[in-house]
């Protein structure tokens, strides 16, 4: 059970401190550890939801605390989510997480971050920033994948396009919802109804809210880009269909006169002299060849071929 003191740096201390002299602090528990009562006394009797039922990022203002949940899509597997619960009080923050996400982020902050004015707000801002610190690069990688798909579509390589574009669009949609919820969460934090955060911390939380909003705008641009690629794909499909219809039309136009010729001499009237003419059959063949050549010449001249 990681337990940290918030000072100029985040410092790991004993596993089960219940001494107020060690506050403010950060504690990370699994759901089973929380049920076993290993949390600090100030965090007991909280209503912690089932972590596998968490589906959104939100914050709820309580009388003396700010509690909420974070549900973030996993990169390259957006149908699976990392979900955890948090509770912020004036002297401490509790995380309940069954994954390694929160623990990893907190240890990373402890190893790399220091503050001139340490506070609960400064830590929570840094924690939220750690969750999204590499997301702009990840969105750039999604854009590169879309660019490759676009290039393949323009090169008329349409094999399995739908199976490639649909997972990417689903991934973009999941992150768009995630950033939208983070931006809303940031607004709740900025309201600061319980006065948990000081003014410098609120200024930093405003930066986080703005960054979440920009990331959401980036996902919106990617969604529009994916729609444009889908439209280009549909255009290529239409071009292929038009080419097929063009070939069928040309073939039909060429053989229509021949069908007329065959129908004409297939009537077998008694007074049709060509039926008994010695050269009737070769002449009909020659007429058919001339008709085909003439039609091909017409289509070539009109640039139908």
Protein backbone atom coordinates (compact mmCIF):
# COMPACT_ATOMS: atom_id res chain seq x y z
CA UNK A 1 0.00 0.00 0.00
CA UNK A 2 1.97 3.08 -1.19
CA UNK A 3 1.67 6.00 1.23
CA UNK A 4 3.23 9.39 0.39
CA UNK A 5 3.69 12.71 2.11
CA UNK A 6 3.19 15.87 0.04
CA UNK A 7 6.12 18.22 0.60
CA UNK A 8 8.47 19.97 -1.78
CA UNK A 9 8.57 16.53 -3.33
CA UNK A 10 6.34 13.51 -2.94
CA UNK A 11 7.99 11.30 -0.33
CA UNK A 12 7.07 7.68 0.33
CA UNK A 13 6.61 6.93 4.01
CA UNK A 14 5.40 4.00 6.13
CA UNK A 15 2.75 1.62 4.84
CA UNK A 16 0.00 2.35 7.34
CA UNK A 17 0.48 5.78 8.87
CA UNK A 18 -2.40 7.21 10.86
CA UNK A 19 -0.45 10.07 12.34
CA UNK A 20 -1.77 13.54 11.48
CA UNK A 21 1.77 14.88 11.62
CA UNK A 22 2.36 13.09 8.34
CA UNK A 23 -0.36 15.06 6.51
CA UNK A 24 -1.00 16.11 3.81
CA UNK A 25 -0.59 12.72 2.23
CA UNK A 26 -1.50 10.47 -0.68
CA UNK A 27 -2.52 6.86 -0.26
CA UNK A 28 -3.15 4.30 -3.01
CA UNK A 29 -5.22 1.22 -2.16
CA UNK A 30 -6.76 -1.65 -4.04
CA UNK A 31 -10.47 -2.22 -3.51
CA UNK A 32 -9.74 -5.24 -1.31
CA UNK A 33 -7.31 -3.22 0.84
CA UNK A 34 -9.93 -0.50 1.26
CA UNK A 35 -12.52 -3.07 2.37
CA UNK A 36 -9.98 -4.42 4.87
CA UNK A 37 -9.83 -0.97 6.50
CA UNK A 38 -6.21 -0.13 5.63
CA UNK A 39 -7.01 3.46 4.72
CA UNK A 40 -6.37 6.50 6.93
CA UNK A 41 -9.15 7.19 9.46
CA UNK A 42 -10.22 10.36 7.60
CA UNK A 43 -11.17 8.26 4.55
CA UNK A 44 -13.23 5.63 6.32
CA UNK A 45 -16.92 5.15 5.64
CA UNK A 46 -16.72 6.49 2.08
CA UNK A 47 -19.04 5.03 -0.53
CA UNK A 48 -16.62 3.53 -3.04
CA UNK A 49 -18.30 2.20 -6.21
CA UNK A 50 -17.36 -1.09 -7.79
CA UNK A 51 -14.38 -0.28 -9.97
CA UNK A 52 -15.55 -2.49 -12.83
CA UNK A 53 -18.79 -0.47 -12.97
CA UNK A 54 -17.06 2.90 -13.45
CA UNK A 55 -17.72 4.27 -16.93
CA UNK A 56 -16.94 8.00 -16.75
CA UNK A 57 -14.75 10.75 -15.32
CA UNK A 58 -16.61 12.87 -12.80
CA UNK A 59 -16.36 14.76 -9.52
CA UNK A 60 -18.96 14.98 -6.78
CA UNK A 61 -18.85 17.71 -4.15
CA UNK A 62 -19.45 16.44 -0.61
CA UNK A 63 -19.60 18.35 2.65
CA UNK A 64 -15.88 18.23 3.36
CA UNK A 65 -14.50 16.36 0.37
CA UNK A 66 -14.45 16.02 -3.38
CA UNK A 67 -14.95 12.45 -4.59
CA UNK A 68 -15.15 11.07 -8.07
CA UNK A 69 -14.05 8.52 -10.61
CA UNK A 70 -11.69 8.37 -13.57
CA UNK A 71 -12.30 6.01 -16.47
CA UNK A 72 -9.66 6.24 -19.18
CA UNK A 73 -9.42 4.14 -22.36
CA UNK A 74 -6.33 2.03 -22.76
CA UNK A 75 -4.13 3.09 -25.62
CA UNK A 76 -4.43 0.77 -28.66
CA UNK A 77 -7.24 -1.06 -26.88
CA UNK A 78 -9.90 1.59 -26.36
CA UNK A 79 -12.65 -0.97 -25.70
CA UNK A 80 -10.92 -1.72 -22.37
CA UNK A 81 -10.71 0.95 -19.69
CA UNK A 82 -8.64 1.80 -16.63
CA UNK A 83 -11.01 2.88 -13.88
CA UNK A 84 -10.38 4.08 -10.35
CA UNK A 85 -11.92 6.08 -7.52
CA UNK A 86 -10.45 9.14 -5.79
CA UNK A 87 -11.35 11.26 -2.78
CA UNK A 88 -9.78 14.65 -2.01
CA UNK A 89 -9.81 16.27 1.41
CA UNK A 90 -7.87 19.23 2.75
CA UNK A 91 -5.17 17.03 4.23
CA UNK A 92 -5.03 14.05 1.93
CA UNK A 93 -5.99 12.21 -1.23
CA UNK A 94 -7.14 8.61 -1.44
CA UNK A 95 -7.01 6.52 -4.62
CA UNK A 96 -8.73 3.14 -4.88
CA UNK A 97 -7.40 1.36 -7.94
CA UNK A 98 -7.08 -2.32 -8.87
CA UNK A 99 -4.69 -1.59 -11.74
CA UNK A 100 -1.13 -0.33 -11.65
CA UNK A 101 -2.06 2.97 -13.31
CA UNK A 102 -2.46 5.17 -10.22
CA UNK A 103 0.46 3.60 -8.37
CA UNK A 104 2.74 4.08 -11.40
CA UNK A 105 1.67 7.71 -11.88
CA UNK A 106 2.20 8.57 -8.20
CA UNK A 107 5.65 6.96 -8.11
CA UNK A 108 6.58 8.80 -11.31
CA UNK A 109 5.58 12.09 -9.68
CA UNK A 110 7.64 11.19 -6.61
CA UNK A 111 10.71 10.53 -8.77
CA UNK A 112 10.49 13.50 -11.14
CA UNK A 113 8.41 16.39 -9.76
CA UNK A 114 8.96 19.03 -7.11
CA UNK A 115 6.85 22.05 -6.12
CA UNK A 116 7.71 25.48 -4.77
CA UNK A 117 4.33 25.68 -3.05
CA UNK A 118 3.26 22.09 -2.30
CA UNK A 119 -0.42 21.49 -1.74
CA UNK A 120 -3.19 19.02 -2.42
CA UNK A 121 -4.18 21.03 -5.50
CA UNK A 122 -0.65 21.08 -6.91
CA UNK A 123 -0.35 17.32 -6.49
CA UNK A 124 -3.74 16.58 -8.06
CA UNK A 125 -2.98 18.86 -11.01
CA UNK A 126 0.34 17.05 -11.53
CA UNK A 127 -1.40 13.69 -11.25
CA UNK A 128 -4.01 14.62 -13.88
CA UNK A 129 -1.29 15.97 -16.18
CA UNK A 130 0.61 12.70 -15.79
CA UNK A 131 -2.43 10.78 -17.04
CA UNK A 132 -2.48 12.74 -20.32
CA UNK A 133 1.16 13.78 -20.73
CA UNK A 134 1.84 11.59 -23.78
CA UNK A 135 -1.63 11.75 -25.29
CA UNK A 136 -0.82 14.38 -27.92
CA UNK A 137 1.89 12.07 -29.31
CA UNK A 138 -0.55 9.18 -29.24
CA UNK A 139 -3.13 11.20 -31.18
CA UNK A 140 -0.37 12.06 -33.63
CA UNK A 141 0.25 8.32 -34.11
CA UNK A 142 -3.47 7.85 -34.83
CA UNK A 143 -3.24 10.62 -37.44
CA UNK A 144 -0.28 8.82 -39.05
CA UNK A 145 -2.37 5.64 -39.25
CA UNK A 146 -5.17 7.60 -40.90
CA UNK A 147 -2.70 9.15 -43.36
CA UNK A 148 -1.50 5.70 -44.41
CA UNK A 149 -5.10 4.60 -44.91
CA UNK A 150 -5.77 7.70 -47.00
CA UNK A 151 -2.72 6.99 -49.16
CA UNK A 152 -3.86 3.41 -49.74
CA UNK A 153 -7.35 4.62 -50.71
CA UNK A 154 -5.94 7.16 -53.18
CA UNK A 155 -3.78 4.38 -54.64
CA UNK A 156 -6.96 2.35 -55.13
CA UNK A 157 -5.91 -0.24 -52.57
CA UNK A 158 -9.24 -0.80 -50.85
CA UNK A 159 -8.69 -4.26 -49.37
CA UNK A 160 -10.11 -4.59 -45.84
CA UNK A 161 -10.51 -0.82 -45.55
CA UNK A 162 -13.64 -1.09 -43.39
CA UNK A 163 -11.90 -3.48 -40.98
CA UNK A 164 -9.07 -0.94 -40.61
CA UNK A 165 -11.02 2.31 -40.33
CA UNK A 166 -13.74 1.17 -37.91
CA UNK A 167 -11.39 0.34 -34.97
CA UNK A 168 -9.58 3.66 -35.45
CA UNK A 169 -12.84 5.61 -35.45
CA UNK A 170 -14.00 3.74 -32.35
CA UNK A 171 -10.70 4.57 -30.66
CA UNK A 172 -10.99 8.26 -31.56
CA UNK A 173 -14.56 8.35 -30.25
CA UNK A 174 -13.53 6.76 -26.93
CA UNK A 175 -10.79 9.34 -26.40
CA UNK A 176 -13.08 12.18 -27.45
CA UNK A 177 -15.56 11.20 -24.73
CA UNK A 178 -12.69 10.82 -22.25
CA UNK A 179 -11.31 14.31 -22.88
CA UNK A 180 -14.77 15.84 -22.82
CA UNK A 181 -15.37 14.31 -19.40
CA UNK A 182 -11.95 15.47 -18.18
CA UNK A 183 -12.73 19.02 -19.29
CA UNK A 184 -16.01 18.90 -17.38
CA UNK A 185 -14.21 17.46 -14.35
CA UNK A 186 -11.76 20.36 -14.54
CA UNK A 187 -14.64 22.84 -14.42
CA UNK A 188 -15.99 21.19 -11.25
CA UNK A 189 -12.54 21.41 -9.68
CA UNK A 190 -12.31 25.09 -10.59
CA UNK A 191 -15.60 25.82 -8.82
CA UNK A 192 -13.75 24.88 -5.61
CA UNK A 193 -16.94 24.80 -3.53
CA UNK A 194 -15.20 23.20 -0.55
CA UNK A 195 -12.19 25.53 -0.86
CA UNK A 196 -9.86 22.55 -1.06
CA UNK A 197 -7.49 24.32 -3.46
CA UNK A 198 -5.56 27.55 -3.09
CA UNK A 199 -5.31 30.18 -5.82
CA UNK A 200 -2.02 28.95 -7.38
CA UNK A 201 -3.45 25.42 -7.54
CA UNK A 202 -6.64 26.72 -9.19
CA UNK A 203 -4.56 28.47 -11.83
CA UNK A 204 -2.81 25.18 -12.59
CA UNK A 205 -6.09 23.26 -12.68
CA UNK A 206 -7.32 25.83 -15.21
CA UNK A 207 -4.35 24.90 -17.40
CA UNK A 208 -5.32 21.25 -17.15
CA UNK A 209 -8.94 21.98 -18.07
CA UNK A 210 -7.78 23.97 -21.11
CA UNK A 211 -5.42 21.19 -22.16
CA UNK A 212 -8.17 18.58 -21.89
CA UNK A 213 -10.36 20.82 -24.05
CA UNK A 214 -7.62 21.13 -26.67
CA UNK A 215 -7.13 17.37 -26.71
CA UNK A 216 -10.85 16.95 -27.30
CA UNK A 217 -10.65 19.40 -30.21
CA UNK A 218 -7.78 17.34 -31.59
CA UNK A 219 -9.91 14.19 -31.47
CA UNK A 220 -12.72 16.08 -33.20
CA UNK A 221 -10.32 16.96 -36.01
CA UNK A 222 -9.28 13.31 -36.24
CA UNK A 223 -12.94 12.25 -36.42
CA UNK A 224 -13.51 14.67 -39.29
CA UNK A 225 -10.36 13.41 -41.00
CA UNK A 226 -11.55 9.81 -40.68
CA UNK A 227 -14.91 10.82 -42.19
CA UNK A 228 -13.12 12.45 -45.12
CA UNK A 229 -11.13 9.26 -45.70
CA UNK A 230 -14.34 7.23 -45.58
CA UNK A 231 -15.85 9.57 -48.15
CA UNK A 232 -12.75 9.15 -50.35
CA UNK A 233 -13.16 5.37 -50.00
CA UNK A 234 -16.82 5.62 -51.03
CA UNK A 235 -15.79 7.78 -53.99
CA UNK A 236 -13.32 5.10 -55.11
CA UNK A 237 -16.03 2.47 -54.79
CA UNK A 238 -18.36 4.63 -56.90
CA UNK A 239 -15.63 5.07 -59.51
CA UNK A 240 -15.17 1.30 -59.69
CA UNK A 241 -18.90 0.79 -60.05
CA UNK A 242 -19.07 3.47 -62.73
CA UNK A 243 -16.27 1.74 -64.64
CA UNK A 244 -18.15 -1.55 -64.49
CA UNK A 245 -21.35 0.12 -65.65
CA UNK A 246 -19.43 1.86 -68.43
CA UNK A 247 -18.01 -1.43 -69.70
CA UNK A 248 -21.44 -3.07 -69.56
CA UNK A 249 -22.97 -0.13 -71.41
CA UNK A 250 -20.33 -0.25 -74.14
CA UNK A 251 -20.73 -4.01 -74.56
CA UNK A 252 -24.51 -3.63 -74.71
CA UNK A 253 -24.26 -0.80 -77.24
CA UNK A 254 -21.93 -2.84 -79.44
CA UNK A 255 -24.02 -6.00 -79.48
CA UNK A 256 -27.41 -4.30 -79.72
CA UNK A 257 -27.10 -3.83 -83.54
CA UNK A 258 -25.97 -7.44 -83.85
CA UNK A 259 -29.03 -8.57 -81.88
CA UNK A 260 -31.18 -6.51 -84.22
CA UNK A 261 -29.48 -8.13 -87.21
CA UNK A 262 -29.95 -11.61 -85.77
CA UNK A 263 -33.59 -10.87 -84.95
CA UNK A 264 -34.18 -9.46 -88.41
CA UNK A 265 -32.96 -12.56 -90.22
CA UNK A 266 -34.45 -14.86 -87.63
CA UNK A 267 -37.98 -14.04 -88.78
CA UNK A 268 -37.78 -16.64 -91.62
CA UNK A 269 -40.36 -15.06 -93.92
CA UNK A 270 -40.85 -16.99 -97.20
CA UNK A 271 -39.86 -14.07 -99.46
CA UNK A 272 -36.54 -13.16 -97.83
CA UNK A 273 -34.06 -13.61 -100.74
CA UNK A 274 -31.00 -13.58 -98.47
CA UNK A 275 -32.08 -16.87 -96.91
CA UNK A 276 -31.45 -18.72 -100.19
CA UNK A 277 -28.54 -16.59 -101.36
CA UNK A 278 -25.25 -18.46 -101.58
CA UNK A 279 -23.26 -15.61 -100.02
CA UNK A 280 -25.91 -14.54 -97.49
CA UNK A 281 -24.22 -16.10 -94.47
CA UNK A 282 -20.71 -14.62 -95.18
CA UNK A 283 -22.28 -11.23 -95.87
CA UNK A 284 -24.11 -11.21 -92.55
CA UNK A 285 -20.84 -12.10 -90.78
CA UNK A 286 -19.05 -9.31 -92.63
CA UNK A 287 -21.84 -6.87 -91.77
CA UNK A 288 -21.59 -7.89 -88.09
CA UNK A 289 -17.81 -7.33 -88.07
CA UNK A 290 -18.23 -3.93 -89.75
CA UNK A 291 -20.86 -2.94 -87.21
CA UNK A 292 -18.56 -3.90 -84.30
CA UNK A 293 -15.59 -2.05 -85.78
CA UNK A 294 -17.74 1.01 -86.47
CA UNK A 295 -19.10 1.05 -82.91
CA UNK A 296 -15.62 0.69 -81.45
CA UNK A 297 -14.40 3.57 -83.59
CA UNK A 298 -17.31 5.76 -82.45
CA UNK A 299 -16.69 4.95 -78.76
CA UNK A 300 -12.97 5.57 -79.15
CA UNK A 301 -13.60 8.90 -80.81
CA UNK A 302 -16.01 9.93 -78.06
CA UNK A 303 -13.44 8.76 -75.46
CA UNK A 304 -15.81 6.20 -74.01
CA UNK A 305 -12.96 3.66 -74.17
